[in-house]
Amino acid sequence: MAAHKHQELLTAAIEREGRAQRALLDGDVDSAQSEFGQVAELYRQSWEVAHAGAFGRLVGMLKAAVLAGGGAEQAAYARAALVEADPESGTANYARAIAALIAGDDADAEACARRMGTGADAFGRTAAAIAALAERDRGRYATALEAIVRDFEQRSEHLTGVAIADTAVMLQALAGRRGMEAEIESAVLPVVPVS
């Protein structure tokens, strides 16, 4: 496979993800979920031909799979792919944490969230939300999610070009599976049905 194939697949995933996000913001959940399913597959294909440290593609795959209404298969795939990943990598731990939440392995999700990082940066905010979900702490989750949403509201640039708090949307989908959704209203946070 050509050396640049992984970048072509990544670009295709991001472009399609933008379409899925627009559909979700427009309230067309069925179209969005169908698109997110394809996005997850494109991220997986890109991961398979990329360099060994391209963990962000696994994060993208997992986010898209959750927003497609599933994720179990992708979580198992990611957990197997990350067995030998750098235990200090924040992005690898992010992927591990999401996969663990999907799989219902709360202890591993919480441990990976701790290794993601702490503080006021994006990883720290997301780690706090994941840890709260893993510990089933509704109050801490709502506080962490609000911090994520408010950060996205201030951004002028988004990876896909769509003003959406994709991390928060994914977390809300996972929270919904646990009956822990936070009641936060924002133009960048569409409601995702629990699946």
N, C-alpha and C. Protein backbone atom coordinates (compact mmCIF):
# COMPACT_ATOMS: atom_id res chain seq x y z
N MET A 1 0.84 -1.18 0.00
CA MET A 1 0.00 0.00 0.00
C MET A 1 0.89 1.24 0.00
N ALA A 2 0.50 2.25 -0.75
CA ALA A 2 1.31 3.47 -0.86
C ALA A 2 1.46 4.12 0.50
N ALA A 3 2.62 4.75 0.70
CA ALA A 3 2.94 5.35 1.99
C ALA A 3 1.94 6.44 2.38
N HIS A 4 1.35 7.11 1.40
CA HIS A 4 0.43 8.20 1.70
C HIS A 4 -1.02 7.72 1.86
N LYS A 5 -1.26 6.42 1.72
CA LYS A 5 -2.63 5.90 1.79
C LYS A 5 -3.27 6.20 3.13
N HIS A 6 -2.49 6.12 4.21
CA HIS A 6 -3.07 6.37 5.54
C HIS A 6 -3.59 7.80 5.64
N GLN A 7 -2.91 8.75 5.00
CA GLN A 7 -3.36 10.14 5.03
C GLN A 7 -4.62 10.32 4.20
N GLU A 8 -4.70 9.63 3.07
CA GLU A 8 -5.91 9.70 2.24
C GLU A 8 -7.12 9.16 3.02
N LEU A 9 -6.91 8.07 3.71
CA LEU A 9 -8.00 7.48 4.50
C LEU A 9 -8.39 8.40 5.66
N LEU A 10 -7.41 9.01 6.29
CA LEU A 10 -7.69 9.94 7.39
C LEU A 10 -8.48 11.14 6.88
N THR A 11 -8.07 11.68 5.75
CA THR A 11 -8.78 12.83 5.17
C THR A 11 -10.22 12.45 4.83
N ALA A 12 -10.40 11.26 4.26
CA ALA A 12 -11.75 10.79 3.93
C ALA A 12 -12.59 10.63 5.19
N ALA A 13 -11.98 10.12 6.26
CA ALA A 13 -12.71 9.94 7.53
C ALA A 13 -13.15 11.29 8.07
N ILE A 14 -12.27 12.27 8.05
CA ILE A 14 -12.59 13.60 8.60
C ILE A 14 -13.69 14.27 7.77
N GLU A 15 -13.59 14.16 6.45
CA GLU A 15 -14.61 14.77 5.59
C GLU A 15 -15.98 14.12 5.83
N ARG A 16 -15.99 12.81 5.92
CA ARG A 16 -17.27 12.11 6.14
C ARG A 16 -17.80 12.38 7.54
N GLU A 17 -16.89 12.51 8.49
CA GLU A 17 -17.30 12.83 9.85
C GLU A 17 -18.01 14.18 9.91
N GLY A 18 -17.51 15.13 9.12
CA GLY A 18 -18.16 16.43 9.04
C GLY A 18 -19.59 16.31 8.54
N ARG A 19 -19.81 15.47 7.53
CA ARG A 19 -21.18 15.26 7.02
C ARG A 19 -22.06 14.64 8.10
N ALA A 20 -21.50 13.67 8.82
CA ALA A 20 -22.26 13.01 9.89
C ALA A 20 -22.62 14.01 10.98
N GLN A 21 -21.68 14.86 11.34
CA GLN A 21 -21.92 15.86 12.38
C GLN A 21 -22.98 16.86 11.96
N ARG A 22 -22.94 17.29 10.68
CA ARG A 22 -23.96 18.22 10.19
C ARG A 22 -25.34 17.58 10.24
N ALA A 23 -25.42 16.31 9.86
CA ALA A 23 -26.70 15.60 9.91
C ALA A 23 -27.21 15.52 11.34
N LEU A 24 -26.31 15.26 12.28
CA LEU A 24 -26.70 15.18 13.69
C LEU A 24 -27.22 16.53 14.19
N LEU A 25 -26.53 17.60 13.84
CA LEU A 25 -26.96 18.94 14.24
C LEU A 25 -28.30 19.31 13.61
N ASP A 26 -28.57 18.75 12.42
CA ASP A 26 -29.84 19.01 11.73
C ASP A 26 -30.97 18.12 12.25
N GLY A 27 -30.65 17.21 13.17
CA GLY A 27 -31.67 16.33 13.73
C GLY A 27 -31.94 15.08 12.91
N ASP A 28 -31.13 14.83 11.89
CA ASP A 28 -31.29 13.63 11.06
C ASP A 28 -30.44 12.51 11.63
N VAL A 29 -30.94 11.91 12.71
CA VAL A 29 -30.17 10.93 13.47
C VAL A 29 -29.87 9.69 12.65
N ASP A 30 -30.83 9.20 11.88
CA ASP A 30 -30.61 7.99 11.09
C ASP A 30 -29.47 8.16 10.10
N SER A 31 -29.48 9.28 9.37
CA SER A 31 -28.40 9.54 8.41
C SER A 31 -27.08 9.71 9.13
N ALA A 32 -27.11 10.42 10.26
CA ALA A 32 -25.88 10.63 11.03
C ALA A 32 -25.29 9.31 11.49
N GLN A 33 -26.11 8.44 12.03
CA GLN A 33 -25.61 7.16 12.52
C GLN A 33 -25.04 6.31 11.40
N SER A 34 -25.70 6.32 10.24
CA SER A 34 -25.19 5.58 9.10
C SER A 34 -23.82 6.11 8.67
N GLU A 35 -23.71 7.44 8.61
CA GLU A 35 -22.44 8.06 8.24
C GLU A 35 -21.35 7.76 9.28
N PHE A 36 -21.70 7.86 10.56
CA PHE A 36 -20.71 7.60 11.60
C PHE A 36 -20.19 6.16 11.53
N GLY A 37 -21.04 5.24 11.13
CA GLY A 37 -20.58 3.86 10.95
C GLY A 37 -19.49 3.76 9.90
N GLN A 38 -19.66 4.50 8.81
CA GLN A 38 -18.64 4.52 7.76
C GLN A 38 -17.39 5.25 8.22
N VAL A 39 -17.57 6.30 9.00
CA VAL A 39 -16.44 7.05 9.54
C VAL A 39 -15.57 6.15 10.41
N ALA A 40 -16.22 5.37 11.27
CA ALA A 40 -15.47 4.46 12.14
C ALA A 40 -14.61 3.50 11.33
N GLU A 41 -15.17 2.99 10.25
CA GLU A 41 -14.42 2.06 9.40
C GLU A 41 -13.25 2.75 8.72
N LEU A 42 -13.43 3.96 8.27
CA LEU A 42 -12.34 4.70 7.63
C LEU A 42 -11.21 4.99 8.63
N TYR A 43 -11.56 5.37 9.85
CA TYR A 43 -10.53 5.59 10.86
C TYR A 43 -9.77 4.29 11.14
N ARG A 44 -10.50 3.17 11.22
CA ARG A 44 -9.82 1.89 11.47
C ARG A 44 -8.85 1.56 10.33
N GLN A 45 -9.31 1.73 9.11
CA GLN A 45 -8.44 1.44 7.96
C GLN A 45 -7.21 2.35 7.97
N SER A 46 -7.41 3.61 8.33
CA SER A 46 -6.29 4.54 8.38
C SER A 46 -5.29 4.13 9.46
N TRP A 47 -5.81 3.72 10.63
CA TRP A 47 -4.95 3.25 11.71
C TRP A 47 -4.09 2.08 11.25
N GLU A 48 -4.68 1.17 10.51
CA GLU A 48 -3.98 -0.06 10.12
C GLU A 48 -2.81 0.18 9.19
N VAL A 49 -2.80 1.31 8.49
CA VAL A 49 -1.69 1.57 7.57
C VAL A 49 -0.85 2.77 8.00
N ALA A 50 -1.15 3.33 9.16
CA ALA A 50 -0.41 4.51 9.66
C ALA A 50 0.77 4.07 10.51
N HIS A 51 1.54 5.05 10.98
CA HIS A 51 2.67 4.76 11.87
C HIS A 51 2.14 4.27 13.22
N ALA A 52 2.99 3.61 13.97
CA ALA A 52 2.56 2.92 15.19
C ALA A 52 2.00 3.84 16.26
N GLY A 53 2.33 5.12 16.23
CA GLY A 53 1.87 6.01 17.29
C GLY A 53 0.64 6.83 16.92
N ALA A 54 -0.06 6.47 15.87
CA ALA A 54 -1.21 7.26 15.39
C ALA A 54 -2.48 6.92 16.17
N PHE A 55 -2.40 7.05 17.48
CA PHE A 55 -3.50 6.61 18.35
C PHE A 55 -4.77 7.45 18.20
N GLY A 56 -4.61 8.67 17.69
CA GLY A 56 -5.78 9.52 17.49
C GLY A 56 -6.78 8.90 16.53
N ARG A 57 -6.31 8.05 15.63
CA ARG A 57 -7.22 7.38 14.69
C ARG A 57 -8.09 6.36 15.41
N LEU A 58 -7.54 5.75 16.46
CA LEU A 58 -8.37 4.83 17.25
C LEU A 58 -9.40 5.61 18.06
N VAL A 59 -9.01 6.78 18.56
CA VAL A 59 -9.97 7.63 19.26
C VAL A 59 -11.09 8.01 18.30
N GLY A 60 -10.73 8.43 17.09
CA GLY A 60 -11.73 8.79 16.09
C GLY A 60 -12.65 7.63 15.76
N MET A 61 -12.08 6.44 15.64
CA MET A 61 -12.88 5.24 15.35
C MET A 61 -13.89 4.99 16.47
N LEU A 62 -13.43 5.08 17.70
CA LEU A 62 -14.30 4.80 18.84
C LEU A 62 -15.40 5.84 18.98
N LYS A 63 -15.05 7.12 18.83
CA LYS A 63 -16.06 8.18 18.89
C LYS A 63 -17.15 7.93 17.85
N ALA A 64 -16.72 7.68 16.62
CA ALA A 64 -17.67 7.48 15.53
C ALA A 64 -18.53 6.24 15.77
N ALA A 65 -17.92 5.17 16.27
CA ALA A 65 -18.67 3.94 16.53
C ALA A 65 -19.74 4.15 17.59
N VAL A 66 -19.42 4.91 18.63
CA VAL A 66 -20.40 5.21 19.67
C VAL A 66 -21.54 6.03 19.08
N LEU A 67 -21.21 7.03 18.26
CA LEU A 67 -22.23 7.89 17.68
C LEU A 67 -23.03 7.18 16.59
N ALA A 68 -22.50 6.07 16.10
CA ALA A 68 -23.26 5.23 15.16
C ALA A 68 -24.24 4.34 15.90
N GLY A 69 -24.14 4.33 17.23
CA GLY A 69 -25.06 3.52 18.03
C GLY A 69 -24.48 2.22 18.52
N GLY A 70 -23.19 2.01 18.30
CA GLY A 70 -22.56 0.76 18.71
C GLY A 70 -21.26 1.01 19.44
N GLY A 71 -20.25 0.25 19.06
CA GLY A 71 -18.92 0.44 19.62
C GLY A 71 -18.29 -0.79 20.23
N ALA A 72 -19.07 -1.83 20.52
CA ALA A 72 -18.50 -3.00 21.20
C ALA A 72 -17.39 -3.65 20.38
N GLU A 73 -17.64 -3.83 19.10
CA GLU A 73 -16.64 -4.46 18.23
C GLU A 73 -15.39 -3.60 18.14
N GLN A 74 -15.58 -2.30 17.99
CA GLN A 74 -14.44 -1.39 17.87
C GLN A 74 -13.67 -1.28 19.19
N ALA A 75 -14.39 -1.37 20.31
CA ALA A 75 -13.72 -1.33 21.61
C ALA A 75 -12.81 -2.54 21.78
N ALA A 76 -13.31 -3.71 21.41
CA ALA A 76 -12.49 -4.92 21.50
C ALA A 76 -11.27 -4.81 20.59
N TYR A 77 -11.49 -4.28 19.39
CA TYR A 77 -10.39 -4.10 18.44
C TYR A 77 -9.34 -3.15 19.01
N ALA A 78 -9.79 -2.01 19.55
CA ALA A 78 -8.85 -1.02 20.08
C ALA A 78 -8.08 -1.57 21.27
N ARG A 79 -8.77 -2.27 22.15
CA ARG A 79 -8.08 -2.81 23.33
C ARG A 79 -7.00 -3.79 22.92
N ALA A 80 -7.26 -4.60 21.91
CA ALA A 80 -6.25 -5.54 21.42
C ALA A 80 -5.10 -4.79 20.75
N ALA A 81 -5.44 -3.76 19.99
CA ALA A 81 -4.41 -3.00 19.26
C ALA A 81 -3.50 -2.22 20.20
N LEU A 82 -3.99 -1.90 21.39
CA LEU A 82 -3.26 -1.04 22.32
C LEU A 82 -2.49 -1.80 23.40
N VAL A 83 -2.48 -3.11 23.32
CA VAL A 83 -1.83 -3.91 24.35
C VAL A 83 -0.37 -3.49 24.55
N GLU A 84 0.33 -3.24 23.47
CA GLU A 84 1.76 -2.90 23.57
C GLU A 84 2.03 -1.42 23.37
N ALA A 85 1.00 -0.59 23.42
CA ALA A 85 1.19 0.86 23.23
C ALA A 85 1.92 1.46 24.43
N ASP A 86 2.56 2.58 24.19
CA ASP A 86 3.27 3.31 25.24
C ASP A 86 2.31 3.62 26.39
N PRO A 87 2.58 3.09 27.60
CA PRO A 87 1.67 3.33 28.72
C PRO A 87 1.62 4.78 29.16
N GLU A 88 2.56 5.60 28.70
CA GLU A 88 2.59 7.02 29.07
C GLU A 88 1.92 7.90 28.03
N SER A 89 1.52 7.35 26.91
CA SER A 89 0.91 8.15 25.85
C SER A 89 -0.49 8.60 26.27
N GLY A 90 -0.70 9.91 26.32
CA GLY A 90 -2.01 10.43 26.67
C GLY A 90 -3.07 10.00 25.68
N THR A 91 -2.74 10.02 24.38
CA THR A 91 -3.72 9.66 23.36
C THR A 91 -4.03 8.17 23.40
N ALA A 92 -3.02 7.34 23.61
CA ALA A 92 -3.27 5.90 23.72
C ALA A 92 -4.17 5.62 24.93
N ASN A 93 -3.92 6.32 26.03
CA ASN A 93 -4.75 6.12 27.21
C ASN A 93 -6.16 6.65 27.00
N TYR A 94 -6.32 7.69 26.20
CA TYR A 94 -7.65 8.19 25.85
C TYR A 94 -8.42 7.10 25.11
N ALA A 95 -7.79 6.51 24.10
CA ALA A 95 -8.44 5.42 23.35
C ALA A 95 -8.75 4.24 24.27
N ARG A 96 -7.80 3.89 25.12
CA ARG A 96 -8.03 2.78 26.07
C ARG A 96 -9.22 3.08 26.99
N ALA A 97 -9.29 4.32 27.47
CA ALA A 97 -10.34 4.70 28.41
C ALA A 97 -11.72 4.63 27.76
N ILE A 98 -11.83 5.15 26.53
CA ILE A 98 -13.12 5.08 25.83
C ILE A 98 -13.50 3.62 25.60
N ALA A 99 -12.55 2.82 25.13
CA ALA A 99 -12.83 1.41 24.86
C ALA A 99 -13.26 0.70 26.13
N ALA A 100 -12.62 1.02 27.24
CA ALA A 100 -12.98 0.39 28.52
C ALA A 100 -14.39 0.79 28.95
N LEU A 101 -14.75 2.07 28.78
CA LEU A 101 -16.11 2.51 29.11
C LEU A 101 -17.14 1.76 28.28
N ILE A 102 -16.87 1.64 26.99
CA ILE A 102 -17.79 0.92 26.10
C ILE A 102 -17.95 -0.52 26.57
N ALA A 103 -16.83 -1.13 26.96
CA ALA A 103 -16.84 -2.54 27.37
C ALA A 103 -17.37 -2.74 28.78
N GLY A 104 -17.60 -1.64 29.51
CA GLY A 104 -18.09 -1.76 30.88
C GLY A 104 -17.01 -2.08 31.89
N ASP A 105 -15.74 -1.88 31.51
CA ASP A 105 -14.61 -2.13 32.40
C ASP A 105 -14.26 -0.81 33.10
N ASP A 106 -15.05 -0.48 34.12
CA ASP A 106 -14.90 0.82 34.76
C ASP A 106 -13.56 1.01 35.44
N ALA A 107 -13.01 -0.05 36.02
CA ALA A 107 -11.72 0.07 36.69
C ALA A 107 -10.63 0.46 35.70
N ASP A 108 -10.63 -0.17 34.54
CA ASP A 108 -9.63 0.15 33.53
C ASP A 108 -9.86 1.54 32.96
N ALA A 109 -11.12 1.91 32.75
CA ALA A 109 -11.43 3.25 32.24
C ALA A 109 -10.90 4.32 33.20
N GLU A 110 -11.11 4.12 34.48
CA GLU A 110 -10.67 5.10 35.47
C GLU A 110 -9.14 5.16 35.52
N ALA A 111 -8.48 4.01 35.46
CA ALA A 111 -7.02 3.97 35.48
C ALA A 111 -6.43 4.66 34.25
N CYS A 112 -7.02 4.42 33.10
CA CYS A 112 -6.54 5.05 31.87
C CYS A 112 -6.80 6.55 31.89
N ALA A 113 -7.93 6.96 32.44
CA ALA A 113 -8.23 8.39 32.56
C ALA A 113 -7.18 9.08 33.43
N ARG A 114 -6.76 8.44 34.50
CA ARG A 114 -5.72 9.02 35.36
C ARG A 114 -4.42 9.23 34.58
N ARG A 115 -4.11 8.29 33.69
CA ARG A 115 -2.87 8.38 32.91
C ARG A 115 -2.98 9.36 31.74
N MET A 116 -4.22 9.76 31.37
CA MET A 116 -4.40 10.71 30.27
C MET A 116 -3.82 12.06 30.60
N GLY A 117 -3.94 12.45 31.83
CA GLY A 117 -3.44 13.77 32.23
C GLY A 117 -4.45 14.47 33.11
N THR A 118 -4.00 15.54 33.71
CA THR A 118 -4.86 16.33 34.58
C THR A 118 -4.71 17.79 34.20
N GLY A 119 -5.57 18.61 34.74
CA GLY A 119 -5.44 20.04 34.50
C GLY A 119 -6.55 20.59 33.66
N ALA A 120 -6.33 21.80 33.15
CA ALA A 120 -7.37 22.54 32.45
C ALA A 120 -7.32 22.35 30.94
N ASP A 121 -6.38 21.55 30.44
CA ASP A 121 -6.33 21.35 28.99
C ASP A 121 -7.41 20.35 28.56
N ALA A 122 -7.53 20.16 27.25
CA ALA A 122 -8.59 19.30 26.72
C ALA A 122 -8.50 17.88 27.26
N PHE A 123 -7.28 17.33 27.34
CA PHE A 123 -7.15 15.97 27.86
C PHE A 123 -7.55 15.89 29.33
N GLY A 124 -7.16 16.89 30.10
CA GLY A 124 -7.51 16.90 31.52
C GLY A 124 -9.01 16.95 31.73
N ARG A 125 -9.70 17.81 30.95
CA ARG A 125 -11.16 17.91 31.07
C ARG A 125 -11.83 16.60 30.68
N THR A 126 -11.36 16.00 29.58
CA THR A 126 -11.96 14.75 29.12
C THR A 126 -11.67 13.62 30.10
N ALA A 127 -10.46 13.60 30.64
CA ALA A 127 -10.10 12.57 31.63
C ALA A 127 -11.00 12.67 32.84
N ALA A 128 -11.30 13.88 33.27
CA ALA A 128 -12.18 14.08 34.44
C ALA A 128 -13.57 13.53 34.16
N ALA A 129 -14.08 13.78 32.95
CA ALA A 129 -15.42 13.27 32.60
C ALA A 129 -15.44 11.75 32.52
N ILE A 130 -14.40 11.17 31.93
CA ILE A 130 -14.33 9.71 31.82
C ILE A 130 -14.24 9.08 33.20
N ALA A 131 -13.39 9.64 34.06
CA ALA A 131 -13.25 9.08 35.41
C ALA A 131 -14.58 9.17 36.16
N ALA A 132 -15.30 10.28 36.00
CA ALA A 132 -16.59 10.42 36.68
C ALA A 132 -17.60 9.40 36.17
N LEU A 133 -17.60 9.15 34.86
CA LEU A 133 -18.49 8.12 34.31
C LEU A 133 -18.11 6.74 34.86
N ALA A 134 -16.81 6.47 34.90
CA ALA A 134 -16.35 5.17 35.39
C ALA A 134 -16.71 4.97 36.86
N GLU A 135 -16.68 6.06 37.62
CA GLU A 135 -17.02 5.98 39.05
C GLU A 135 -18.51 6.20 39.31
N ARG A 136 -19.25 6.45 38.22
CA ARG A 136 -20.71 6.66 38.29
C ARG A 136 -21.06 7.82 39.22
N ASP A 137 -20.27 8.88 39.08
CA ASP A 137 -20.46 10.09 39.88
C ASP A 137 -21.14 11.13 38.98
N ARG A 138 -22.45 11.20 39.06
CA ARG A 138 -23.23 12.07 38.18
C ARG A 138 -22.86 13.54 38.32
N GLY A 139 -22.66 14.02 39.53
CA GLY A 139 -22.33 15.43 39.74
C GLY A 139 -21.00 15.81 39.14
N ARG A 140 -19.98 15.01 39.40
CA ARG A 140 -18.66 15.29 38.82
C ARG A 140 -18.69 15.20 37.30
N TYR A 141 -19.47 14.25 36.78
CA TYR A 141 -19.57 14.11 35.33
C TYR A 141 -20.17 15.38 34.72
N ALA A 142 -21.26 15.87 35.31
CA ALA A 142 -21.92 17.07 34.77
C ALA A 142 -20.98 18.27 34.79
N THR A 143 -20.22 18.41 35.86
CA THR A 143 -19.27 19.52 35.96
C THR A 143 -18.18 19.41 34.90
N ALA A 144 -17.65 18.20 34.73
CA ALA A 144 -16.60 17.97 33.74
C ALA A 144 -17.13 18.18 32.33
N LEU A 145 -18.33 17.68 32.06
CA LEU A 145 -18.90 17.83 30.72
C LEU A 145 -19.15 19.29 30.40
N GLU A 146 -19.63 20.05 31.36
CA GLU A 146 -19.88 21.47 31.11
C GLU A 146 -18.59 22.19 30.75
N ALA A 147 -17.50 21.84 31.40
CA ALA A 147 -16.20 22.45 31.07
C ALA A 147 -15.80 22.13 29.63
N ILE A 148 -16.06 20.91 29.20
CA ILE A 148 -15.74 20.51 27.82
C ILE A 148 -16.59 21.30 26.84
N VAL A 149 -17.89 21.38 27.11
CA VAL A 149 -18.80 22.09 26.20
C VAL A 149 -18.44 23.56 26.11
N ARG A 150 -18.18 24.20 27.25
CA ARG A 150 -17.84 25.62 27.23
C ARG A 150 -16.55 25.88 26.45
N ASP A 151 -15.60 24.95 26.54
CA ASP A 151 -14.37 25.08 25.76
C ASP A 151 -14.68 25.02 24.27
N PHE A 152 -15.50 24.06 23.86
CA PHE A 152 -15.85 23.94 22.44
C PHE A 152 -16.59 25.18 21.95
N GLU A 153 -17.41 25.78 22.80
CA GLU A 153 -18.15 26.98 22.41
C GLU A 153 -17.22 28.14 22.08
N GLN A 154 -16.04 28.15 22.68
CA GLN A 154 -15.09 29.25 22.48
C GLN A 154 -14.18 29.02 21.27
N ARG A 155 -14.20 27.82 20.72
CA ARG A 155 -13.27 27.50 19.62
C ARG A 155 -13.75 28.14 18.32
N SER A 156 -12.80 28.64 17.55
CA SER A 156 -13.11 29.18 16.23
C SER A 156 -12.80 28.17 15.13
N GLU A 157 -12.05 27.13 15.47
CA GLU A 157 -11.70 26.11 14.49
C GLU A 157 -12.06 24.73 15.04
N HIS A 158 -12.56 23.89 14.14
CA HIS A 158 -12.91 22.52 14.48
C HIS A 158 -12.31 21.60 13.43
N LEU A 159 -11.89 20.43 13.83
CA LEU A 159 -11.21 19.50 12.93
C LEU A 159 -11.98 19.28 11.64
N THR A 160 -13.28 19.08 11.74
CA THR A 160 -14.10 18.79 10.56
C THR A 160 -14.69 20.04 9.92
N GLY A 161 -14.48 21.19 10.55
CA GLY A 161 -15.09 22.41 10.06
C GLY A 161 -16.50 22.62 10.57
N VAL A 162 -16.98 21.71 11.41
CA VAL A 162 -18.33 21.79 11.96
C VAL A 162 -18.24 22.16 13.43
N ALA A 163 -18.98 23.17 13.84
CA ALA A 163 -18.96 23.63 15.23
C ALA A 163 -19.81 22.69 16.08
N ILE A 164 -19.18 21.64 16.56
CA ILE A 164 -19.84 20.63 17.38
C ILE A 164 -18.86 20.15 18.43
N ALA A 165 -19.34 19.94 19.64
CA ALA A 165 -18.50 19.43 20.73
C ALA A 165 -18.49 17.91 20.64
N ASP A 166 -17.76 17.39 19.67
CA ASP A 166 -17.83 15.95 19.39
C ASP A 166 -17.43 15.09 20.58
N THR A 167 -16.46 15.53 21.35
CA THR A 167 -16.07 14.77 22.54
C THR A 167 -17.23 14.70 23.52
N ALA A 168 -17.88 15.82 23.75
CA ALA A 168 -19.01 15.87 24.68
C ALA A 168 -20.19 15.05 24.17
N VAL A 169 -20.41 15.07 22.86
CA VAL A 169 -21.52 14.29 22.28
C VAL A 169 -21.28 12.80 22.52
N MET A 170 -20.03 12.37 22.28
CA MET A 170 -19.71 10.96 22.53
C MET A 170 -19.88 10.61 24.00
N LEU A 171 -19.39 11.49 24.88
CA LEU A 171 -19.50 11.21 26.32
C LEU A 171 -20.96 11.15 26.75
N GLN A 172 -21.80 12.02 26.20
CA GLN A 172 -23.22 12.00 26.52
C GLN A 172 -23.87 10.70 26.04
N ALA A 173 -23.44 10.20 24.89
CA ALA A 173 -23.97 8.93 24.40
C ALA A 173 -23.60 7.80 25.35
N LEU A 174 -22.35 7.81 25.82
CA LEU A 174 -21.91 6.78 26.78
C LEU A 174 -22.60 6.97 28.13
N ALA A 175 -22.78 8.23 28.53
CA ALA A 175 -23.48 8.50 29.78
C ALA A 175 -24.93 8.02 29.70
N GLY A 176 -25.55 8.20 28.54
CA GLY A 176 -26.92 7.76 28.36
C GLY A 176 -27.09 6.27 28.55
N ARG A 177 -26.08 5.52 28.16
CA ARG A 177 -26.13 4.07 28.34
C ARG A 177 -26.09 3.69 29.82
N ARG A 178 -25.65 4.63 30.65
CA ARG A 178 -25.56 4.41 32.10
C ARG A 178 -26.63 5.18 32.86
N GLY A 179 -27.51 5.86 32.13
CA GLY A 179 -28.52 6.69 32.78
C GLY A 179 -27.92 7.87 33.49
N MET A 180 -26.84 8.43 32.95
CA MET A 180 -26.10 9.51 33.63
C MET A 180 -25.98 10.78 32.79
N GLU A 181 -26.82 10.98 31.77
CA GLU A 181 -26.68 12.16 30.94
C GLU A 181 -26.75 13.43 31.78
N ALA A 182 -25.94 14.40 31.39
CA ALA A 182 -25.96 15.71 32.04
C ALA A 182 -26.92 16.62 31.27
N GLU A 183 -27.61 17.48 31.98
CA GLU A 183 -28.56 18.38 31.34
C GLU A 183 -27.87 19.70 31.04
N ILE A 184 -27.22 19.74 29.90
CA ILE A 184 -26.50 20.93 29.46
C ILE A 184 -27.02 21.29 28.08
N GLU A 185 -27.41 22.53 27.91
CA GLU A 185 -27.89 23.00 26.61
C GLU A 185 -26.83 23.85 25.95
N SER A 186 -26.58 23.55 24.68
CA SER A 186 -25.61 24.32 23.92
C SER A 186 -25.84 24.05 22.44
N ALA A 187 -25.58 25.05 21.63
CA ALA A 187 -25.70 24.89 20.17
C ALA A 187 -24.69 23.89 19.64
N VAL A 188 -23.61 23.64 20.39
CA VAL A 188 -22.60 22.68 19.93
C VAL A 188 -22.79 21.29 20.52
N LEU A 189 -23.90 21.08 21.23
CA LEU A 189 -24.15 19.79 21.88
C LEU A 189 -25.53 19.25 21.52
N PRO A 190 -25.64 18.61 20.34
CA PRO A 190 -26.92 18.01 19.96
C PRO A 190 -27.24 16.82 20.85
N VAL A 191 -28.52 16.56 20.99
CA VAL A 191 -28.96 15.40 21.78
C VAL A 191 -28.84 14.15 20.93
N VAL A 192 -28.22 13.13 21.50
CA VAL A 192 -28.06 11.85 20.80
C VAL A 192 -28.93 10.82 21.48
N PRO A 193 -29.75 10.09 20.74
CA PRO A 193 -30.58 9.07 21.38
C PRO A 193 -29.72 7.96 21.98
N VAL A 194 -30.17 7.44 23.11
CA VAL A 194 -29.44 6.35 23.76
C VAL A 194 -29.65 5.07 22.95
N SER A 195 -28.53 4.38 22.70
CA SER A 195 -28.64 3.10 21.97
C SER A 195 -27.79 2.06 22.64
